[in-house]
N, C-alpha and C. Protein backbone atom coordinates (compact mmCIF):
# COMPACT_ATOMS: atom_id res chain seq x y z
N MET A 1 -11.90 6.21 -1.42
CA MET A 1 -12.27 5.32 -2.51
C MET A 1 -11.44 4.03 -2.41
N ALA A 2 -12.10 2.90 -2.43
CA ALA A 2 -11.41 1.62 -2.33
C ALA A 2 -10.81 1.24 -3.68
N THR A 3 -9.68 0.56 -3.63
CA THR A 3 -8.99 0.13 -4.85
C THR A 3 -9.11 -1.39 -4.98
N VAL A 4 -9.50 -1.85 -6.17
CA VAL A 4 -9.66 -3.28 -6.43
C VAL A 4 -8.72 -3.68 -7.57
N LEU A 5 -7.97 -4.76 -7.34
CA LEU A 5 -7.11 -5.33 -8.37
C LEU A 5 -7.87 -6.46 -9.06
N ILE A 6 -7.98 -6.39 -10.39
CA ILE A 6 -8.61 -7.46 -11.16
C ILE A 6 -7.50 -8.27 -11.81
N VAL A 7 -7.50 -9.58 -11.57
CA VAL A 7 -6.53 -10.47 -12.20
C VAL A 7 -7.31 -11.39 -13.15
N ASP A 8 -7.23 -11.09 -14.45
CA ASP A 8 -7.99 -11.84 -15.45
C ASP A 8 -7.30 -11.68 -16.80
N ASP A 9 -7.14 -12.77 -17.53
CA ASP A 9 -6.45 -12.71 -18.82
C ASP A 9 -7.39 -12.47 -20.00
N SER A 10 -8.69 -12.36 -19.74
CA SER A 10 -9.65 -12.12 -20.81
C SER A 10 -9.91 -10.61 -20.95
N PRO A 11 -9.56 -10.02 -22.10
CA PRO A 11 -9.81 -8.58 -22.29
C PRO A 11 -11.30 -8.24 -22.14
N THR A 12 -12.18 -9.13 -22.59
CA THR A 12 -13.62 -8.90 -22.49
C THR A 12 -14.07 -8.85 -21.04
N GLU A 13 -13.66 -9.84 -20.25
CA GLU A 13 -14.02 -9.87 -18.83
C GLU A 13 -13.43 -8.68 -18.10
N MET A 14 -12.18 -8.37 -18.41
CA MET A 14 -11.51 -7.23 -17.78
C MET A 14 -12.30 -5.95 -18.03
N HIS A 15 -12.69 -5.75 -19.29
CA HIS A 15 -13.44 -4.56 -19.67
C HIS A 15 -14.76 -4.48 -18.89
N LYS A 16 -15.47 -5.61 -18.81
CA LYS A 16 -16.76 -5.65 -18.09
C LYS A 16 -16.58 -5.32 -16.61
N LEU A 17 -15.59 -5.98 -15.98
CA LEU A 17 -15.37 -5.78 -14.55
C LEU A 17 -14.89 -4.36 -14.24
N VAL A 18 -14.00 -3.82 -15.06
CA VAL A 18 -13.52 -2.45 -14.86
C VAL A 18 -14.71 -1.49 -14.92
N GLY A 19 -15.56 -1.67 -15.93
CA GLY A 19 -16.74 -0.81 -16.08
C GLY A 19 -17.65 -0.87 -14.87
N LEU A 20 -17.94 -2.08 -14.41
CA LEU A 20 -18.81 -2.25 -13.23
C LEU A 20 -18.22 -1.58 -11.99
N LEU A 21 -16.94 -1.80 -11.77
CA LEU A 21 -16.29 -1.26 -10.57
C LEU A 21 -16.20 0.26 -10.61
N GLU A 22 -15.77 0.81 -11.75
CA GLU A 22 -15.64 2.27 -11.85
C GLU A 22 -17.00 2.95 -11.70
N LYS A 23 -18.02 2.34 -12.27
CA LYS A 23 -19.39 2.87 -12.16
C LYS A 23 -19.83 2.93 -10.69
N ASN A 24 -19.30 2.01 -9.88
CA ASN A 24 -19.68 1.95 -8.47
C ASN A 24 -18.65 2.63 -7.55
N GLY A 25 -17.78 3.44 -8.15
CA GLY A 25 -16.89 4.27 -7.35
C GLY A 25 -15.58 3.63 -6.89
N TYR A 26 -15.19 2.54 -7.50
CA TYR A 26 -13.93 1.90 -7.12
C TYR A 26 -12.80 2.35 -8.05
N ALA A 27 -11.60 2.47 -7.50
CA ALA A 27 -10.40 2.66 -8.33
C ALA A 27 -9.98 1.25 -8.75
N VAL A 28 -9.49 1.09 -9.97
CA VAL A 28 -9.20 -0.25 -10.49
C VAL A 28 -7.75 -0.39 -10.95
N LEU A 29 -7.15 -1.50 -10.55
CA LEU A 29 -5.83 -1.92 -11.04
C LEU A 29 -6.07 -3.21 -11.80
N SER A 30 -5.16 -3.56 -12.73
CA SER A 30 -5.37 -4.81 -13.46
C SER A 30 -4.07 -5.57 -13.65
N ALA A 31 -4.22 -6.88 -13.80
CA ALA A 31 -3.11 -7.78 -14.08
C ALA A 31 -3.65 -8.90 -14.96
N GLU A 32 -2.82 -9.43 -15.87
CA GLU A 32 -3.28 -10.44 -16.81
C GLU A 32 -2.78 -11.84 -16.51
N SER A 33 -2.02 -12.01 -15.43
CA SER A 33 -1.54 -13.35 -15.05
C SER A 33 -1.44 -13.41 -13.54
N GLY A 34 -1.33 -14.64 -13.03
CA GLY A 34 -1.19 -14.81 -11.59
C GLY A 34 0.06 -14.15 -11.05
N GLU A 35 1.18 -14.32 -11.76
CA GLU A 35 2.45 -13.71 -11.32
C GLU A 35 2.34 -12.20 -11.27
N GLU A 36 1.77 -11.62 -12.33
CA GLU A 36 1.61 -10.17 -12.38
C GLU A 36 0.68 -9.70 -11.26
N GLY A 37 -0.37 -10.47 -10.99
CA GLY A 37 -1.30 -10.13 -9.92
C GLY A 37 -0.62 -10.07 -8.56
N VAL A 38 0.24 -11.04 -8.29
CA VAL A 38 0.97 -11.08 -7.02
C VAL A 38 1.91 -9.87 -6.92
N THR A 39 2.61 -9.57 -8.01
CA THR A 39 3.53 -8.43 -8.04
C THR A 39 2.80 -7.11 -7.81
N VAL A 40 1.69 -6.91 -8.53
CA VAL A 40 0.92 -5.67 -8.40
C VAL A 40 0.34 -5.56 -6.98
N ALA A 41 -0.14 -6.67 -6.43
CA ALA A 41 -0.71 -6.65 -5.08
C ALA A 41 0.34 -6.23 -4.05
N LYS A 42 1.55 -6.76 -4.18
CA LYS A 42 2.63 -6.39 -3.24
C LYS A 42 2.96 -4.91 -3.37
N ARG A 43 3.04 -4.43 -4.60
CA ARG A 43 3.46 -3.04 -4.85
C ARG A 43 2.36 -2.03 -4.50
N GLU A 44 1.12 -2.31 -4.90
CA GLU A 44 0.03 -1.33 -4.80
C GLU A 44 -0.85 -1.47 -3.55
N GLN A 45 -0.83 -2.64 -2.91
CA GLN A 45 -1.64 -2.88 -1.71
C GLN A 45 -3.13 -2.51 -1.91
N PRO A 46 -3.81 -3.18 -2.87
CA PRO A 46 -5.23 -2.87 -3.10
C PRO A 46 -6.08 -3.29 -1.90
N ASP A 47 -7.32 -2.79 -1.85
CA ASP A 47 -8.23 -3.13 -0.76
C ASP A 47 -8.85 -4.51 -0.94
N ALA A 48 -8.89 -4.98 -2.20
CA ALA A 48 -9.43 -6.31 -2.51
C ALA A 48 -8.89 -6.74 -3.87
N ILE A 49 -8.96 -8.06 -4.12
CA ILE A 49 -8.50 -8.61 -5.39
C ILE A 49 -9.60 -9.51 -5.96
N LEU A 50 -9.93 -9.30 -7.24
CA LEU A 50 -10.84 -10.20 -7.96
C LEU A 50 -9.94 -11.12 -8.78
N MET A 51 -9.98 -12.41 -8.49
CA MET A 51 -9.04 -13.37 -9.08
C MET A 51 -9.74 -14.40 -9.95
N ASP A 52 -9.37 -14.44 -11.23
CA ASP A 52 -9.83 -15.51 -12.10
C ASP A 52 -9.04 -16.76 -11.72
N ILE A 53 -9.49 -17.94 -12.14
CA ILE A 53 -8.74 -19.16 -11.83
C ILE A 53 -7.88 -19.59 -13.01
N VAL A 54 -8.48 -19.61 -14.21
CA VAL A 54 -7.75 -20.06 -15.38
C VAL A 54 -6.91 -18.90 -15.92
N LEU A 55 -5.62 -18.94 -15.60
CA LEU A 55 -4.69 -17.88 -15.98
C LEU A 55 -3.42 -18.50 -16.54
N PRO A 56 -2.70 -17.77 -17.41
CA PRO A 56 -1.43 -18.29 -17.90
C PRO A 56 -0.40 -18.33 -16.76
N GLY A 57 0.47 -19.34 -16.77
CA GLY A 57 1.50 -19.44 -15.72
C GLY A 57 0.87 -19.84 -14.40
N LEU A 58 1.08 -19.00 -13.41
CA LEU A 58 0.53 -19.22 -12.07
C LEU A 58 -1.00 -19.09 -12.15
N ASN A 59 -1.75 -20.16 -11.81
CA ASN A 59 -3.21 -20.05 -11.90
C ASN A 59 -3.77 -19.31 -10.67
N GLY A 60 -5.07 -19.05 -10.70
CA GLY A 60 -5.70 -18.28 -9.63
C GLY A 60 -5.61 -18.94 -8.27
N PHE A 61 -5.70 -20.26 -8.22
CA PHE A 61 -5.56 -20.98 -6.95
C PHE A 61 -4.16 -20.76 -6.38
N GLN A 62 -3.14 -20.93 -7.23
CA GLN A 62 -1.75 -20.78 -6.79
C GLN A 62 -1.46 -19.34 -6.36
N ALA A 63 -1.94 -18.38 -7.14
CA ALA A 63 -1.71 -16.97 -6.83
C ALA A 63 -2.38 -16.60 -5.50
N THR A 64 -3.61 -17.09 -5.29
CA THR A 64 -4.32 -16.81 -4.04
C THR A 64 -3.57 -17.39 -2.85
N ARG A 65 -3.10 -18.62 -3.00
CA ARG A 65 -2.34 -19.27 -1.93
C ARG A 65 -1.07 -18.45 -1.62
N GLN A 66 -0.38 -18.01 -2.66
CA GLN A 66 0.84 -17.22 -2.49
C GLN A 66 0.54 -15.90 -1.77
N LEU A 67 -0.54 -15.23 -2.18
CA LEU A 67 -0.92 -13.95 -1.55
C LEU A 67 -1.24 -14.15 -0.07
N ASN A 68 -1.91 -15.25 0.25
CA ASN A 68 -2.30 -15.51 1.64
C ASN A 68 -1.15 -15.97 2.52
N LYS A 69 -0.08 -16.43 1.91
CA LYS A 69 1.07 -16.90 2.70
C LYS A 69 2.19 -15.86 2.78
N THR A 70 1.99 -14.71 2.16
CA THR A 70 3.00 -13.66 2.15
C THR A 70 2.58 -12.55 3.11
N ARG A 71 3.48 -12.20 4.01
CA ARG A 71 3.13 -11.24 5.06
C ARG A 71 2.59 -9.92 4.53
N GLU A 72 3.20 -9.39 3.45
CA GLU A 72 2.75 -8.08 2.99
C GLU A 72 1.42 -8.10 2.22
N THR A 73 0.90 -9.31 1.90
CA THR A 73 -0.38 -9.36 1.17
C THR A 73 -1.45 -10.22 1.86
N GLU A 74 -1.11 -10.85 2.97
CA GLU A 74 -2.07 -11.76 3.61
C GLU A 74 -3.35 -11.08 4.09
N HIS A 75 -3.31 -9.77 4.31
CA HIS A 75 -4.49 -9.03 4.78
C HIS A 75 -5.45 -8.63 3.66
N ILE A 76 -5.03 -8.81 2.40
CA ILE A 76 -5.86 -8.37 1.27
C ILE A 76 -6.87 -9.47 0.92
N PRO A 77 -8.17 -9.17 1.01
CA PRO A 77 -9.16 -10.21 0.67
C PRO A 77 -9.18 -10.52 -0.82
N VAL A 78 -9.21 -11.83 -1.13
CA VAL A 78 -9.28 -12.29 -2.52
C VAL A 78 -10.67 -12.85 -2.77
N VAL A 79 -11.30 -12.41 -3.86
CA VAL A 79 -12.60 -12.93 -4.28
C VAL A 79 -12.36 -13.65 -5.61
N MET A 80 -12.64 -14.94 -5.66
CA MET A 80 -12.53 -15.69 -6.90
C MET A 80 -13.70 -15.29 -7.80
N VAL A 81 -13.39 -14.94 -9.06
CA VAL A 81 -14.43 -14.61 -10.04
C VAL A 81 -14.09 -15.45 -11.27
N THR A 82 -14.87 -16.51 -11.50
CA THR A 82 -14.47 -17.50 -12.49
C THR A 82 -15.67 -18.17 -13.16
N THR A 83 -15.40 -18.85 -14.27
CA THR A 83 -16.45 -19.64 -14.93
C THR A 83 -16.52 -21.04 -14.32
N LYS A 84 -15.53 -21.41 -13.51
CA LYS A 84 -15.51 -22.75 -12.90
C LYS A 84 -16.57 -22.80 -11.80
N ASP A 85 -17.65 -23.55 -12.06
CA ASP A 85 -18.79 -23.53 -11.14
C ASP A 85 -18.99 -24.83 -10.37
N GLN A 86 -18.00 -25.72 -10.40
CA GLN A 86 -18.13 -26.98 -9.66
C GLN A 86 -17.93 -26.72 -8.16
N GLU A 87 -18.64 -27.46 -7.35
CA GLU A 87 -18.50 -27.32 -5.90
C GLU A 87 -17.06 -27.57 -5.44
N THR A 88 -16.38 -28.54 -6.09
CA THR A 88 -14.99 -28.83 -5.71
C THR A 88 -14.08 -27.63 -5.97
N ASP A 89 -14.34 -26.88 -7.05
CA ASP A 89 -13.56 -25.67 -7.34
C ASP A 89 -13.77 -24.63 -6.25
N LYS A 90 -15.03 -24.47 -5.86
CA LYS A 90 -15.36 -23.48 -4.84
C LYS A 90 -14.68 -23.84 -3.51
N VAL A 91 -14.79 -25.10 -3.11
CA VAL A 91 -14.17 -25.56 -1.87
C VAL A 91 -12.66 -25.34 -1.93
N TRP A 92 -12.05 -25.70 -3.05
CA TRP A 92 -10.61 -25.56 -3.20
C TRP A 92 -10.19 -24.09 -3.15
N GLY A 93 -10.97 -23.23 -3.82
CA GLY A 93 -10.69 -21.79 -3.81
C GLY A 93 -10.72 -21.22 -2.40
N MET A 94 -11.72 -21.62 -1.62
CA MET A 94 -11.83 -21.13 -0.24
C MET A 94 -10.68 -21.68 0.60
N ARG A 95 -10.26 -22.91 0.32
CA ARG A 95 -9.13 -23.50 1.05
C ARG A 95 -7.82 -22.76 0.79
N GLN A 96 -7.71 -22.16 -0.40
CA GLN A 96 -6.49 -21.40 -0.74
C GLN A 96 -6.48 -20.04 -0.06
N GLY A 97 -7.62 -19.67 0.54
CA GLY A 97 -7.68 -18.40 1.26
C GLY A 97 -8.63 -17.38 0.69
N ALA A 98 -9.39 -17.73 -0.37
CA ALA A 98 -10.36 -16.78 -0.92
C ALA A 98 -11.44 -16.48 0.12
N LYS A 99 -11.89 -15.23 0.15
CA LYS A 99 -12.94 -14.82 1.09
C LYS A 99 -14.33 -15.01 0.51
N ALA A 100 -14.42 -15.11 -0.82
CA ALA A 100 -15.71 -15.32 -1.50
C ALA A 100 -15.43 -15.93 -2.86
N TYR A 101 -16.48 -16.51 -3.46
CA TYR A 101 -16.35 -17.20 -4.74
C TYR A 101 -17.56 -16.83 -5.59
N LEU A 102 -17.34 -16.14 -6.69
CA LEU A 102 -18.42 -15.74 -7.59
C LEU A 102 -18.22 -16.42 -8.95
N THR A 103 -19.34 -16.81 -9.57
CA THR A 103 -19.28 -17.46 -10.87
C THR A 103 -19.68 -16.46 -11.96
N LYS A 104 -18.90 -16.45 -13.04
CA LYS A 104 -19.21 -15.58 -14.20
C LYS A 104 -20.38 -16.17 -14.96
N PRO A 105 -21.22 -15.36 -15.58
CA PRO A 105 -21.19 -13.90 -15.51
C PRO A 105 -21.71 -13.43 -14.15
N VAL A 106 -20.98 -12.51 -13.54
CA VAL A 106 -21.33 -12.04 -12.20
C VAL A 106 -22.24 -10.82 -12.32
N SER A 107 -23.26 -10.76 -11.46
CA SER A 107 -24.16 -9.61 -11.51
C SER A 107 -23.53 -8.44 -10.78
N GLU A 108 -23.84 -7.25 -11.25
CA GLU A 108 -23.29 -6.03 -10.66
C GLU A 108 -23.61 -5.96 -9.17
N GLN A 109 -24.86 -6.21 -8.81
CA GLN A 109 -25.27 -6.11 -7.40
C GLN A 109 -24.54 -7.12 -6.54
N ASN A 110 -24.42 -8.34 -7.03
CA ASN A 110 -23.73 -9.40 -6.29
C ASN A 110 -22.27 -9.03 -6.06
N LEU A 111 -21.61 -8.52 -7.10
CA LEU A 111 -20.20 -8.14 -7.01
C LEU A 111 -20.01 -7.01 -5.99
N VAL A 112 -20.83 -5.98 -6.09
CA VAL A 112 -20.73 -4.84 -5.18
C VAL A 112 -21.00 -5.28 -3.74
N ASP A 113 -22.01 -6.12 -3.54
CA ASP A 113 -22.33 -6.61 -2.19
C ASP A 113 -21.16 -7.38 -1.59
N VAL A 114 -20.57 -8.25 -2.38
CA VAL A 114 -19.44 -9.07 -1.89
C VAL A 114 -18.24 -8.17 -1.58
N LEU A 115 -17.96 -7.20 -2.45
CA LEU A 115 -16.84 -6.30 -2.20
C LEU A 115 -17.05 -5.49 -0.92
N LYS A 116 -18.26 -4.98 -0.72
CA LYS A 116 -18.55 -4.23 0.51
C LYS A 116 -18.31 -5.10 1.74
N GLU A 117 -18.71 -6.35 1.63
CA GLU A 117 -18.55 -7.29 2.74
C GLU A 117 -17.08 -7.58 3.04
N VAL A 118 -16.28 -7.84 2.02
CA VAL A 118 -14.88 -8.22 2.27
C VAL A 118 -13.97 -7.04 2.58
N ILE A 119 -14.35 -5.84 2.11
CA ILE A 119 -13.51 -4.66 2.36
C ILE A 119 -13.81 -4.04 3.72
N SER A 120 -15.02 -4.23 4.23
CA SER A 120 -15.40 -3.57 5.48
C SER A 120 -14.49 -3.89 6.64
């Protein structure tokens, strides 16, 4: 069973994503800030990370960049899952090392397909 870390400060989004992932057979870890996400990723070594962008403290772009530049987490694929739908946000997210970029509200099928792709 693959483990996915969700980094999102919205309890509503967290609840939705946890439900979708568990329903599809994923084990789920969670973090509510960029700093906490980086810490949990280092400690737990999830198979993938779903990263929001607008977070308290370290934002999703900064956290993704940090994860990609750290030896013990650089192999973990990060998928941006955010309400920011501008092309410049997407380009910037991919430049920070994200493997995919999804816009909220994300469909269950789209999320599962992207996770299968990045975890394989």
